[in-house]
Amino acid sequence: MMSHVLEQDVLVITVHADPGIGGRATLLAGIGDLIEGHMPASVVVVLDEAAATEAAVGVVLRTHRLCSRLGLVMSVATHSAPARRLLDEANADTNGIRLIIHARADIAIATATALTTAA
């Protein structure tokens, strides 16, 4: 359902498939374990086309809350305009570190890497 890579202290997590309503908790726990295990400077979650669903967006928002509590900058990338809209609308209500939303994964990763390097 997901894969990950750690590059230059940026944890990139790619969600490949829709977790569905029943798989949200499992996906969130897996992502949380990766974040807490690696303690990166920044996190990028990439939603593949098949994973750009409301269930996955919910997991991304919960992951963002975890990253905010840990003081981590988090970005999300998805080609899906409807998923980006949902994320943007939910992001308007957040307190603390804002979620950075990109249409392209390469730009999200490059931006996260630049922010990490500059810090």
PDB file of N, CA and C in Angstrom:
ATOM      1  N   MET A   1       0.823  -1.192   0.000  1.00  0.00           N
ATOM      2  CA  MET A   1       0.000   0.000   0.000  1.00  0.00           C
ATOM      3  C   MET A   1       0.867   1.257   0.000  1.00  0.00           C
ATOM      4  N   MET A   2       2.082   1.188   0.613  1.00  0.00           N
ATOM      5  CA  MET A   2       2.951   2.356   0.643  1.00  0.00           C
ATOM      6  C   MET A   2       4.406   1.930   0.565  1.00  0.00           C
ATOM      7  N   SER A   3       5.251   2.887   0.196  1.00  0.00           N
ATOM      8  CA  SER A   3       6.693   2.689   0.210  1.00  0.00           C
ATOM      9  C   SER A   3       7.312   3.974   0.749  1.00  0.00           C
ATOM     10  N   HIS A   4       8.586   3.904   1.100  1.00  0.00           N
ATOM     11  CA  HIS A   4       9.237   5.102   1.626  1.00  0.00           C
ATOM     12  C   HIS A   4      10.719   5.116   1.288  1.00  0.00           C
ATOM     13  N   VAL A   5      11.295   6.312   1.351  1.00  0.00           N
ATOM     14  CA  VAL A   5      12.723   6.500   1.170  1.00  0.00           C
ATOM     15  C   VAL A   5      13.121   7.699   2.038  1.00  0.00           C
ATOM     16  N   LEU A   6      14.316   7.646   2.596  1.00  0.00           N
ATOM     17  CA  LEU A   6      14.849   8.756   3.388  1.00  0.00           C
ATOM     18  C   LEU A   6      16.054   9.309   2.642  1.00  0.00           C
ATOM     19  N   GLU A   7      15.953  10.565   2.221  1.00  0.00           N
ATOM     20  CA  GLU A   7      17.030  11.214   1.482  1.00  0.00           C
ATOM     21  C   GLU A   7      17.293  12.577   2.091  1.00  0.00           C
ATOM     22  N   GLN A   8      18.538  12.820   2.475  1.00  0.00           N
ATOM     23  CA  GLN A   8      18.949  14.111   3.015  1.00  0.00           C
ATOM     24  C   GLN A   8      18.013  14.582   4.116  1.00  0.00           C
ATOM     25  N   ASP A   9      17.645  13.683   4.998  1.00  0.00           N
ATOM     26  CA  ASP A   9      16.787  13.938   6.155  1.00  0.00           C
ATOM     27  C   ASP A   9      15.348  14.310   5.782  1.00  0.00           C
ATOM     28  N   VAL A  10      14.939  13.977   4.550  1.00  0.00           N
ATOM     29  CA  VAL A  10      13.548  14.143   4.128  1.00  0.00           C
ATOM     30  C   VAL A  10      12.961  12.752   3.944  1.00  0.00           C
ATOM     31  N   LEU A  11      11.911  12.449   4.699  1.00  0.00           N
ATOM     32  CA  LEU A  11      11.224  11.172   4.578  1.00  0.00           C
ATOM     33  C   LEU A  11      10.126  11.309   3.530  1.00  0.00           C
ATOM     34  N   VAL A  12      10.248  10.548   2.442  1.00  0.00           N
ATOM     35  CA  VAL A  12       9.252  10.575   1.370  1.00  0.00           C
ATOM     36  C   VAL A  12       8.454   9.276   1.448  1.00  0.00           C
ATOM     37  N   ILE A  13       7.166   9.419   1.701  1.00  0.00           N
ATOM     38  CA  ILE A  13       6.268   8.276   1.818  1.00  0.00           C
ATOM     39  C   ILE A  13       5.305   8.323   0.638  1.00  0.00           C
ATOM     40  N   THR A  14       5.273   7.265  -0.151  1.00  0.00           N
ATOM     41  CA  THR A  14       4.372   7.199  -1.292  1.00  0.00           C
ATOM     42  C   THR A  14       3.255   6.211  -0.984  1.00  0.00           C
ATOM     43  N   VAL A  15       2.029   6.692  -1.070  1.00  0.00           N
ATOM     44  CA  VAL A  15       0.850   5.851  -0.884  1.00  0.00           C
ATOM     45  C   VAL A  15       0.395   5.431  -2.276  1.00  0.00           C
ATOM     46  N   HIS A  16       0.400   4.126  -2.519  1.00  0.00           N
ATOM     47  CA  HIS A  16       0.143   3.601  -3.852  1.00  0.00           C
ATOM     48  C   HIS A  16      -1.315   3.244  -4.123  1.00  0.00           C
ATOM     49  N   ALA A  17      -2.080   2.976  -3.066  1.00  0.00           N
ATOM     50  CA  ALA A  17      -3.451   2.500  -3.258  1.00  0.00           C
ATOM     51  C   ALA A  17      -4.387   3.124  -2.234  1.00  0.00           C
ATOM     52  N   ASP A  18      -5.646   3.160  -2.584  1.00  0.00           N
ATOM     53  CA  ASP A  18      -6.685   3.655  -1.683  1.00  0.00           C
ATOM     54  C   ASP A  18      -6.748   2.750  -0.447  1.00  0.00           C
ATOM     55  N   PRO A  19      -6.579   3.319   0.752  1.00  0.00           N
ATOM     56  CA  PRO A  19      -6.653   2.479   1.942  1.00  0.00           C
ATOM     57  C   PRO A  19      -8.084   2.042   2.269  1.00  0.00           C
ATOM     58  N   GLY A  20      -9.053   2.737   1.696  1.00  0.00           N
ATOM     59  CA  GLY A  20     -10.444   2.446   2.030  1.00  0.00           C
ATOM     60  C   GLY A  20     -10.719   2.864   3.466  1.00  0.00           C
ATOM     61  N   ILE A  21     -11.947   2.826   3.825  1.00  0.00           N
ATOM     62  CA  ILE A  21     -12.327   3.238   5.175  1.00  0.00           C
ATOM     63  C   ILE A  21     -11.703   2.304   6.206  1.00  0.00           C
ATOM     64  N   GLY A  22     -11.680   1.013   5.917  1.00  0.00           N
ATOM     65  CA  GLY A  22     -11.142   0.044   6.873  1.00  0.00           C
ATOM     66  C   GLY A  22      -9.634   0.053   6.990  1.00  0.00           C
ATOM     67  N   GLY A  23      -8.937   0.597   5.999  1.00  0.00           N
ATOM     68  CA  GLY A  23      -7.477   0.584   6.022  1.00  0.00           C
ATOM     69  C   GLY A  23      -6.835   1.867   6.498  1.00  0.00           C
ATOM     70  N   ARG A  24      -7.652   2.865   6.819  1.00  0.00           N
ATOM     71  CA  ARG A  24      -7.091   4.157   7.246  1.00  0.00           C
ATOM     72  C   ARG A  24      -6.232   4.037   8.490  1.00  0.00           C
ATOM     73  N   ALA A  25      -6.716   3.331   9.488  1.00  0.00           N
ATOM     74  CA  ALA A  25      -5.973   3.220  10.748  1.00  0.00           C
ATOM     75  C   ALA A  25      -4.648   2.504  10.540  1.00  0.00           C
ATOM     76  N   THR A  26      -4.654   1.462   9.725  1.00  0.00           N
ATOM     77  CA  THR A  26      -3.423   0.715   9.448  1.00  0.00           C
ATOM     78  C   THR A  26      -2.417   1.590   8.710  1.00  0.00           C
ATOM     79  N   LEU A  27      -2.880   2.330   7.715  1.00  0.00           N
ATOM     80  CA  LEU A  27      -1.998   3.220   6.964  1.00  0.00           C
ATOM     81  C   LEU A  27      -1.445   4.319   7.867  1.00  0.00           C
ATOM     82  N   LEU A  28      -2.289   4.920   8.672  1.00  0.00           N
ATOM     83  CA  LEU A  28      -1.852   5.975   9.583  1.00  0.00           C
ATOM     84  C   LEU A  28      -0.819   5.444  10.575  1.00  0.00           C
ATOM     85  N   ALA A  29      -1.055   4.267  11.116  1.00  0.00           N
ATOM     86  CA  ALA A  29      -0.096   3.676  12.057  1.00  0.00           C
ATOM     87  C   ALA A  29       1.243   3.411  11.381  1.00  0.00           C
ATOM     88  N   GLY A  30       1.211   2.911  10.148  1.00  0.00           N
ATOM     89  CA  GLY A  30       2.445   2.655   9.410  1.00  0.00           C
ATOM     90  C   GLY A  30       3.223   3.929   9.138  1.00  0.00           C
ATOM     91  N   ILE A  31       2.526   4.979   8.735  1.00  0.00           N
ATOM     92  CA  ILE A  31       3.177   6.259   8.486  1.00  0.00           C
ATOM     93  C   ILE A  31       3.731   6.829   9.789  1.00  0.00           C
ATOM     94  N   GLY A  32       2.946   6.760  10.839  1.00  0.00           N
ATOM     95  CA  GLY A  32       3.401   7.257  12.150  1.00  0.00           C
ATOM     96  C   GLY A  32       4.647   6.532  12.627  1.00  0.00           C
ATOM     97  N   ASP A  33       4.684   5.223  12.441  1.00  0.00           N
ATOM     98  CA  ASP A  33       5.865   4.439  12.825  1.00  0.00           C
ATOM     99  C   ASP A  33       7.093   4.876  12.034  1.00  0.00           C
ATOM    100  N   LEU A  34       6.922   5.129  10.739  1.00  0.00           N
ATOM    101  CA  LEU A  34       8.045   5.584   9.915  1.00  0.00           C
ATOM    102  C   LEU A  34       8.559   6.942  10.384  1.00  0.00           C
ATOM    103  N   ILE A  35       7.644   7.857  10.650  1.00  0.00           N
ATOM    104  CA  ILE A  35       8.040   9.193  11.094  1.00  0.00           C
ATOM    105  C   ILE A  35       8.756   9.126  12.440  1.00  0.00           C
ATOM    106  N   GLU A  36       8.176   8.422  13.377  1.00  0.00           N
ATOM    107  CA  GLU A  36       8.785   8.342  14.706  1.00  0.00           C
ATOM    108  C   GLU A  36      10.069   7.521  14.700  1.00  0.00           C
ATOM    109  N   GLY A  37      10.175   6.553  13.804  1.00  0.00           N
ATOM    110  CA  GLY A  37      11.379   5.743  13.713  1.00  0.00           C
ATOM    111  C   GLY A  37      12.544   6.474  13.075  1.00  0.00           C
ATOM    112  N   HIS A  38      12.256   7.300  12.075  1.00  0.00           N
ATOM    113  CA  HIS A  38      13.319   8.022  11.359  1.00  0.00           C
ATOM    114  C   HIS A  38      13.562   9.423  11.910  1.00  0.00           C
ATOM    115  N   MET A  39      12.557  10.045  12.509  1.00  0.00           N
ATOM    116  CA  MET A  39      12.609  11.424  12.997  1.00  0.00           C
ATOM    117  C   MET A  39      13.313  12.342  11.993  1.00  0.00           C
ATOM    118  N   PRO A  40      12.736  12.456  10.801  1.00  0.00           N
ATOM    119  CA  PRO A  40      13.342  13.282   9.752  1.00  0.00           C
ATOM    120  C   PRO A  40      13.168  14.777  10.059  1.00  0.00           C
ATOM    121  N   ALA A  41      13.811  15.601   9.269  1.00  0.00           N
ATOM    122  CA  ALA A  41      13.627  17.043   9.382  1.00  0.00           C
ATOM    123  C   ALA A  41      12.342  17.479   8.679  1.00  0.00           C
ATOM    124  N   SER A  42      11.932  16.712   7.674  1.00  0.00           N
ATOM    125  CA  SER A  42      10.759  17.053   6.887  1.00  0.00           C
ATOM    126  C   SER A  42      10.125  15.768   6.345  1.00  0.00           C
ATOM    127  N   VAL A  43       8.825  15.840   6.076  1.00  0.00           N
ATOM    128  CA  VAL A  43       8.083  14.693   5.552  1.00  0.00           C
ATOM    129  C   VAL A  43       7.336  15.111   4.292  1.00  0.00           C
ATOM    130  N   VAL A  44       7.407  14.262   3.269  1.00  0.00           N
ATOM    131  CA  VAL A  44       6.622  14.456   2.049  1.00  0.00           C
ATOM    132  C   VAL A  44       5.776  13.199   1.859  1.00  0.00           C
ATOM    133  N   VAL A  45       4.471  13.380   1.725  1.00  0.00           N
ATOM    134  CA  VAL A  45       3.573  12.264   1.412  1.00  0.00           C
ATOM    135  C   VAL A  45       3.117  12.442  -0.031  1.00  0.00           C
ATOM    136  N   VAL A  46       3.348  11.419  -0.831  1.00  0.00           N
ATOM    137  CA  VAL A  46       2.946  11.428  -2.232  1.00  0.00           C
ATOM    138  C   VAL A  46       1.752  10.487  -2.380  1.00  0.00           C
ATOM    139  N   LEU A  47       0.659  11.014  -2.904  1.00  0.00           N
ATOM    140  CA  LEU A  47      -0.519  10.188  -3.173  1.00  0.00           C
ATOM    141  C   LEU A  47      -0.529   9.858  -4.655  1.00  0.00           C
ATOM    142  N   ASP A  48      -0.280   8.591  -4.994  1.00  0.00           N
ATOM    143  CA  ASP A  48      -0.408   8.161  -6.384  1.00  0.00           C
ATOM    144  C   ASP A  48      -1.854   8.343  -6.821  1.00  0.00           C
ATOM    145  N   GLU A  49      -2.081   8.314  -8.108  1.00  0.00           N
ATOM    146  CA  GLU A  49      -3.430   8.544  -8.645  1.00  0.00           C
ATOM    147  C   GLU A  49      -4.467   7.624  -8.007  1.00  0.00           C
ATOM    148  N   ALA A  50      -4.145   6.350  -7.845  1.00  0.00           N
ATOM    149  CA  ALA A  50      -5.091   5.389  -7.261  1.00  0.00           C
ATOM    150  C   ALA A  50      -5.350   5.654  -5.782  1.00  0.00           C
ATOM    151  N   ALA A  51      -4.454   6.388  -5.141  1.00  0.00           N
ATOM    152  CA  ALA A  51      -4.581   6.643  -3.701  1.00  0.00           C
ATOM    153  C   ALA A  51      -5.208   7.999  -3.396  1.00  0.00           C
ATOM    154  N   ALA A  52      -5.524   8.777  -4.396  1.00  0.00           N
ATOM    155  CA  ALA A  52      -6.061  10.123  -4.187  1.00  0.00           C
ATOM    156  C   ALA A  52      -7.557  10.062  -3.900  1.00  0.00           C
ATOM    157  N   THR A  53      -7.901   9.530  -2.746  1.00  0.00           N
ATOM    158  CA  THR A  53      -9.293   9.345  -2.340  1.00  0.00           C
ATOM    159  C   THR A  53      -9.548  10.076  -1.026  1.00  0.00           C
ATOM    160  N   GLU A  54     -10.803  10.182  -0.661  1.00  0.00           N
ATOM    161  CA  GLU A  54     -11.144  10.841   0.606  1.00  0.00           C
ATOM    162  C   GLU A  54     -10.529  10.118   1.799  1.00  0.00           C
ATOM    163  N   ALA A  55     -10.475   8.799   1.753  1.00  0.00           N
ATOM    164  CA  ALA A  55      -9.874   8.046   2.865  1.00  0.00           C
ATOM    165  C   ALA A  55      -8.392   8.389   3.010  1.00  0.00           C
ATOM    166  N   ALA A  56      -7.681   8.456   1.903  1.00  0.00           N
ATOM    167  CA  ALA A  56      -6.255   8.795   1.944  1.00  0.00           C
ATOM    168  C   ALA A  56      -6.047  10.242   2.371  1.00  0.00           C
ATOM    169  N   VAL A  57      -6.897  11.135   1.915  1.00  0.00           N
ATOM    170  CA  VAL A  57      -6.803  12.540   2.325  1.00  0.00           C
ATOM    171  C   VAL A  57      -6.975  12.648   3.838  1.00  0.00           C
ATOM    172  N   GLY A  58      -7.891  11.880   4.408  1.00  0.00           N
ATOM    173  CA  GLY A  58      -8.063  11.861   5.862  1.00  0.00           C
ATOM    174  C   GLY A  58      -6.804  11.414   6.575  1.00  0.00           C
ATOM    175  N   VAL A  59      -6.133  10.421   6.036  1.00  0.00           N
ATOM    176  CA  VAL A  59      -4.878   9.936   6.618  1.00  0.00           C
ATOM    177  C   VAL A  59      -3.807  11.025   6.516  1.00  0.00           C
ATOM    178  N   VAL A  60      -3.742  11.706   5.384  1.00  0.00           N
ATOM    179  CA  VAL A  60      -2.768  12.789   5.215  1.00  0.00           C
ATOM    180  C   VAL A  60      -3.012  13.883   6.249  1.00  0.00           C
ATOM    181  N   LEU A  61      -4.244  14.248   6.480  1.00  0.00           N
ATOM    182  CA  LEU A  61      -4.547  15.295   7.457  1.00  0.00           C
ATOM    183  C   LEU A  61      -4.174  14.872   8.879  1.00  0.00           C
ATOM    184  N   ARG A  62      -4.407  13.620   9.209  1.00  0.00           N
ATOM    185  CA  ARG A  62      -4.001  13.120  10.531  1.00  0.00           C
ATOM    186  C   ARG A  62      -2.480  13.067  10.643  1.00  0.00           C
ATOM    187  N   THR A  63      -1.824  12.684   9.561  1.00  0.00           N
ATOM    188  CA  THR A  63      -0.359  12.677   9.535  1.00  0.00           C
ATOM    189  C   THR A  63       0.173  14.093   9.721  1.00  0.00           C
ATOM    190  N   HIS A  64      -0.491  15.062   9.110  1.00  0.00           N
ATOM    191  CA  HIS A  64      -0.088  16.454   9.279  1.00  0.00           C
ATOM    192  C   HIS A  64      -0.193  16.893  10.737  1.00  0.00           C
ATOM    193  N   ARG A  65      -1.229  16.465  11.425  1.00  0.00           N
ATOM    194  CA  ARG A  65      -1.364  16.797  12.852  1.00  0.00           C
ATOM    195  C   ARG A  65      -0.207  16.192  13.651  1.00  0.00           C
ATOM    196  N   LEU A  66       0.164  14.952  13.329  1.00  0.00           N
ATOM    197  CA  LEU A  66       1.303  14.312  13.999  1.00  0.00           C
ATOM    198  C   LEU A  66       2.578  15.109  13.731  1.00  0.00           C
ATOM    199  N   CYS A  67       2.820  15.459  12.483  1.00  0.00           N
ATOM    200  CA  CYS A  67       4.026  16.220  12.137  1.00  0.00           C
ATOM    201  C   CYS A  67       4.038  17.574  12.840  1.00  0.00           C
ATOM    202  N   SER A  68       2.897  18.229  12.917  1.00  0.00           N
ATOM    203  CA  SER A  68       2.810  19.520  13.613  1.00  0.00           C
ATOM    204  C   SER A  68       3.178  19.372  15.081  1.00  0.00           C
ATOM    205  N   ARG A  69       2.672  18.314  15.723  1.00  0.00           N
ATOM    206  CA  ARG A  69       3.011  18.073  17.136  1.00  0.00           C
ATOM    207  C   ARG A  69       4.505  17.837  17.314  1.00  0.00           C
ATOM    208  N   LEU A  70       5.139  17.215  16.311  1.00  0.00           N
ATOM    209  CA  LEU A  70       6.567  16.919  16.385  1.00  0.00           C
ATOM    210  C   LEU A  70       7.432  18.073  15.862  1.00  0.00           C
ATOM    211  N   GLY A  71       6.793  19.146  15.370  1.00  0.00           N
ATOM    212  CA  GLY A  71       7.528  20.294  14.859  1.00  0.00           C
ATOM    213  C   GLY A  71       8.138  20.066  13.486  1.00  0.00           C
ATOM    214  N   LEU A  72       7.549  19.154  12.713  1.00  0.00           N
ATOM    215  CA  LEU A  72       8.066  18.826  11.385  1.00  0.00           C
ATOM    216  C   LEU A  72       7.253  19.515  10.298  1.00  0.00           C
ATOM    217  N   VAL A  73       7.937  20.006   9.279  1.00  0.00           N
ATOM    218  CA  VAL A  73       7.258  20.547   8.104  1.00  0.00           C
ATOM    219  C   VAL A  73       6.829  19.360   7.252  1.00  0.00           C
ATOM    220  N   MET A  74       5.583  19.396   6.784  1.00  0.00           N
ATOM    221  CA  MET A  74       5.072  18.312   5.957  1.00  0.00           C
ATOM    222  C   MET A  74       4.501  18.865   4.664  1.00  0.00           C
ATOM    223  N   SER A  75       4.793  18.157   3.586  1.00  0.00           N
ATOM    224  CA  SER A  75       4.241  18.481   2.266  1.00  0.00           C
ATOM    225  C   SER A  75       3.481  17.269   1.761  1.00  0.00           C
ATOM    226  N   VAL A  76       2.540  17.534   0.878  1.00  0.00           N
ATOM    227  CA  VAL A  76       1.832  16.455   0.203  1.00  0.00           C
ATOM    228  C   VAL A  76       1.828  16.773  -1.284  1.00  0.00           C
ATOM    229  N   ALA A  77       1.941  15.731  -2.095  1.00  0.00           N
ATOM    230  CA  ALA A  77       1.908  15.900  -3.544  1.00  0.00           C
ATOM    231  C   ALA A  77       0.927  14.903  -4.141  1.00  0.00           C
ATOM    232  N   THR A  78       0.073  15.416  -5.028  1.00  0.00           N
ATOM    233  CA  THR A  78      -0.851  14.560  -5.767  1.00  0.00           C
ATOM    234  C   THR A  78      -1.254  15.270  -7.054  1.00  0.00           C
ATOM    235  N   HIS A  79      -1.400  14.490  -8.115  1.00  0.00           N
ATOM    236  CA  HIS A  79      -1.858  15.046  -9.385  1.00  0.00           C
ATOM    237  C   HIS A  79      -3.354  15.352  -9.339  1.00  0.00           C
ATOM    238  N   SER A  80      -4.058  14.755  -8.391  1.00  0.00           N
ATOM    239  CA  SER A  80      -5.515  14.870  -8.329  1.00  0.00           C
ATOM    240  C   SER A  80      -5.947  16.257  -7.839  1.00  0.00           C
ATOM    241  N   ALA A  81      -6.574  17.017  -8.736  1.00  0.00           N
ATOM    242  CA  ALA A  81      -7.082  18.336  -8.351  1.00  0.00           C
ATOM    243  C   ALA A  81      -8.155  18.242  -7.265  1.00  0.00           C
ATOM    244  N   PRO A  82      -9.091  17.276  -7.326  1.00  0.00           N
ATOM    245  CA  PRO A  82     -10.076  17.169  -6.249  1.00  0.00           C
ATOM    246  C   PRO A  82      -9.431  16.877  -4.891  1.00  0.00           C
ATOM    247  N   ALA A  83      -8.405  16.036  -4.868  1.00  0.00           N
ATOM    248  CA  ALA A  83      -7.723  15.741  -3.604  1.00  0.00           C
ATOM    249  C   ALA A  83      -6.991  16.980  -3.089  1.00  0.00           C
ATOM    250  N   ARG A  84      -6.348  17.737  -3.983  1.00  0.00           N
ATOM    251  CA  ARG A  84      -5.668  18.967  -3.567  1.00  0.00           C
ATOM    252  C   ARG A  84      -6.673  19.976  -3.017  1.00  0.00           C
ATOM    253  N   ARG A  85      -7.857  20.049  -3.631  1.00  0.00           N
ATOM    254  CA  ARG A  85      -8.900  20.954  -3.139  1.00  0.00           C
ATOM    255  C   ARG A  85      -9.339  20.562  -1.729  1.00  0.00           C
ATOM    256  N   LEU A  86      -9.578  19.262  -1.516  1.00  0.00           N
ATOM    257  CA  LEU A  86      -9.967  18.798  -0.178  1.00  0.00           C
ATOM    258  C   LEU A  86      -8.893  19.145   0.856  1.00  0.00           C
ATOM    259  N   LEU A  87      -7.641  18.907   0.491  1.00  0.00           N
ATOM    260  CA  LEU A  87      -6.535  19.216   1.400  1.00  0.00           C
ATOM    261  C   LEU A  87      -6.449  20.710   1.678  1.00  0.00           C
ATOM    262  N   ASP A  88      -6.610  21.509   0.649  1.00  0.00           N
ATOM    263  CA  ASP A  88      -6.525  22.958   0.799  1.00  0.00           C
ATOM    264  C   ASP A  88      -7.641  23.483   1.696  1.00  0.00           C
ATOM    265  N   GLU A  89      -8.851  22.977   1.502  1.00  0.00           N
ATOM    266  CA  GLU A  89      -9.980  23.403   2.333  1.00  0.00           C
ATOM    267  C   GLU A  89      -9.764  23.035   3.797  1.00  0.00           C
ATOM    268  N   ALA A  90      -9.277  21.840   4.054  1.00  0.00           N
ATOM    269  CA  ALA A  90      -9.011  21.408   5.427  1.00  0.00           C
ATOM    270  C   ALA A  90      -7.837  22.163   6.021  1.00  0.00           C
ATOM    271  N   ASN A  91      -6.870  22.488   5.198  1.00  0.00           N
ATOM    272  CA  ASN A  91      -5.673  23.200   5.642  1.00  0.00           C
ATOM    273  C   ASN A  91      -5.999  24.610   6.110  1.00  0.00           C
ATOM    274  N   ALA A  92      -7.064  25.191   5.608  1.00  0.00           N
ATOM    275  CA  ALA A  92      -7.457  26.542   5.996  1.00  0.00           C
ATOM    276  C   ALA A  92      -7.829  26.603   7.474  1.00  0.00           C
ATOM    277  N   ASP A  93      -8.198  25.468   8.048  1.00  0.00           N
ATOM    278  CA  ASP A  93      -8.635  25.438   9.441  1.00  0.00           C
ATOM    279  C   ASP A  93      -7.549  25.022  10.421  1.00  0.00           C
ATOM    280  N   THR A  94      -6.326  24.785   9.957  1.00  0.00           N
ATOM    281  CA  THR A  94      -5.290  24.278  10.845  1.00  0.00           C
ATOM    282  C   THR A  94      -4.650  25.387  11.647  1.00  0.00           C
ATOM    283  N   ASN A  95      -4.219  25.032  12.831  1.00  0.00           N
ATOM    284  CA  ASN A  95      -3.417  25.917  13.673  1.00  0.00           C
ATOM    285  C   ASN A  95      -2.010  25.357  13.669  1.00  0.00           C
ATOM    286  N   GLY A  96      -1.011  26.216  13.677  1.00  0.00           N
ATOM    287  CA  GLY A  96       0.357  25.727  13.709  1.00  0.00           C
ATOM    288  C   GLY A  96       0.967  25.676  12.321  1.00  0.00           C
ATOM    289  N   ILE A  97       1.782  24.674  12.082  1.00  0.00           N
ATOM    290  CA  ILE A  97       2.509  24.545  10.828  1.00  0.00           C
ATOM    291  C   ILE A  97       1.539  24.179   9.704  1.00  0.00           C
ATOM    292  N   ARG A  98       1.545  24.972   8.638  1.00  0.00           N
ATOM    293  CA  ARG A  98       0.632  24.719   7.520  1.00  0.00           C
ATOM    294  C   ARG A  98       1.120  23.572   6.663  1.00  0.00           C
ATOM    295  N   LEU A  99       0.201  22.868   6.090  1.00  0.00           N
ATOM    296  CA  LEU A  99       0.490  21.789   5.150  1.00  0.00           C
ATOM    297  C   LEU A  99       0.806  22.406   3.799  1.00  0.00           C
ATOM    298  N   ILE A 100       1.925  21.994   3.207  1.00  0.00           N
ATOM    299  CA  ILE A 100       2.315  22.490   1.896  1.00  0.00           C
ATOM    300  C   ILE A 100       1.796  21.492   0.858  1.00  0.00           C
ATOM    301  N   ILE A 101       1.042  21.985  -0.122  1.00  0.00           N
ATOM    302  CA  ILE A 101       0.375  21.121  -1.099  1.00  0.00           C
ATOM    303  C   ILE A 101       0.960  21.380  -2.491  1.00  0.00           C
ATOM    304  N   HIS A 102       1.383  20.305  -3.149  1.00  0.00           N
ATOM    305  CA  HIS A 102       1.973  20.386  -4.489  1.00  0.00           C
ATOM    306  C   HIS A 102       1.225  19.467  -5.451  1.00  0.00           C
ATOM    307  N   ALA A 103       1.294  19.804  -6.735  1.00  0.00           N
ATOM    308  CA  ALA A 103       0.725  18.946  -7.769  1.00  0.00           C
ATOM    309  C   ALA A 103       1.739  17.915  -8.245  1.00  0.00           C
ATOM    310  N   ARG A 104       3.032  18.202  -8.048  1.00  0.00           N
ATOM    311  CA  ARG A 104       4.080  17.302  -8.539  1.00  0.00           C
ATOM    312  C   ARG A 104       4.985  16.861  -7.403  1.00  0.00           C
ATOM    313  N   ALA A 105       5.260  15.563  -7.362  1.00  0.00           N
ATOM    314  CA  ALA A 105       6.098  14.991  -6.307  1.00  0.00           C
ATOM    315  C   ALA A 105       7.518  15.525  -6.368  1.00  0.00           C
ATOM    316  N   ASP A 106       8.088  15.667  -7.561  1.00  0.00           N
ATOM    317  CA  ASP A 106       9.472  16.122  -7.662  1.00  0.00           C
ATOM    318  C   ASP A 106       9.650  17.527  -7.084  1.00  0.00           C
ATOM    319  N   ILE A 107       8.662  18.387  -7.285  1.00  0.00           N
ATOM    320  CA  ILE A 107       8.727  19.738  -6.734  1.00  0.00           C
ATOM    321  C   ILE A 107       8.587  19.696  -5.216  1.00  0.00           C
ATOM    322  N   ALA A 108       7.692  18.867  -4.704  1.00  0.00           N
ATOM    323  CA  ALA A 108       7.513  18.737  -3.258  1.00  0.00           C
ATOM    324  C   ALA A 108       8.795  18.253  -2.592  1.00  0.00           C
ATOM    325  N   ILE A 109       9.440  17.265  -3.193  1.00  0.00           N
ATOM    326  CA  ILE A 109      10.668  16.705  -2.624  1.00  0.00           C
ATOM    327  C   ILE A 109      11.806  17.728  -2.703  1.00  0.00           C
ATOM    328  N   ALA A 110      11.941  18.403  -3.835  1.00  0.00           N
ATOM    329  CA  ALA A 110      12.995  19.416  -3.983  1.00  0.00           C
ATOM    330  C   ALA A 110      12.808  20.560  -2.992  1.00  0.00           C
ATOM    331  N   THR A 111      11.567  20.997  -2.795  1.00  0.00           N
ATOM    332  CA  THR A 111      11.284  22.069  -1.847  1.00  0.00           C
ATOM    333  C   THR A 111      11.598  21.630  -0.422  1.00  0.00           C
ATOM    334  N   ALA A 112      11.178  20.429  -0.056  1.00  0.00           N
ATOM    335  CA  ALA A 112      11.455  19.907   1.290  1.00  0.00           C
ATOM    336  C   ALA A 112      12.956  19.782   1.523  1.00  0.00           C
ATOM    337  N   THR A 113      13.669  19.307   0.524  1.00  0.00           N
ATOM    338  CA  THR A 113      15.122  19.156   0.638  1.00  0.00           C
ATOM    339  C   THR A 113      15.784  20.520   0.807  1.00  0.00           C
ATOM    340  N   ALA A 114      15.338  21.512   0.044  1.00  0.00           N
ATOM    341  CA  ALA A 114      15.898  22.863   0.143  1.00  0.00           C
ATOM    342  C   ALA A 114      15.623  23.460   1.520  1.00  0.00           C
ATOM    343  N   LEU A 115      14.419  23.275   2.030  1.00  0.00           N
ATOM    344  CA  LEU A 115      14.077  23.798   3.357  1.00  0.00           C
ATOM    345  C   LEU A 115      14.918  23.116   4.440  1.00  0.00           C
ATOM    346  N   THR A 116      15.119  21.816   4.296  1.00  0.00           N
ATOM    347  CA  THR A 116      15.901  21.061   5.270  1.00  0.00           C
ATOM    348  C   THR A 116      17.358  21.490   5.246  1.00  0.00           C
ATOM    349  N   THR A 117      17.891  21.677   4.047  1.00  0.00           N
ATOM    350  CA  THR A 117      19.281  22.084   3.894  1.00  0.00           C
ATOM    351  C   THR A 117      19.513  23.485   4.432  1.00  0.00           C
ATOM    352  N   ALA A 118      18.530  24.373   4.237  1.00  0.00           N
ATOM    353  CA  ALA A 118      18.660  25.750   4.681  1.00  0.00           C
ATOM    354  C   ALA A 118      18.539  25.898   6.187  1.00  0.00           C
ATOM    355  N   ALA A 119      17.897  24.953   6.832  1.00  0.00           N
ATOM    356  CA  ALA A 119      17.644  25.058   8.284  1.00  0.00           C
ATOM    357  C   ALA A 119      18.866  24.797   9.127  1.00  0.00           C
TER     358      ALA A 119
END
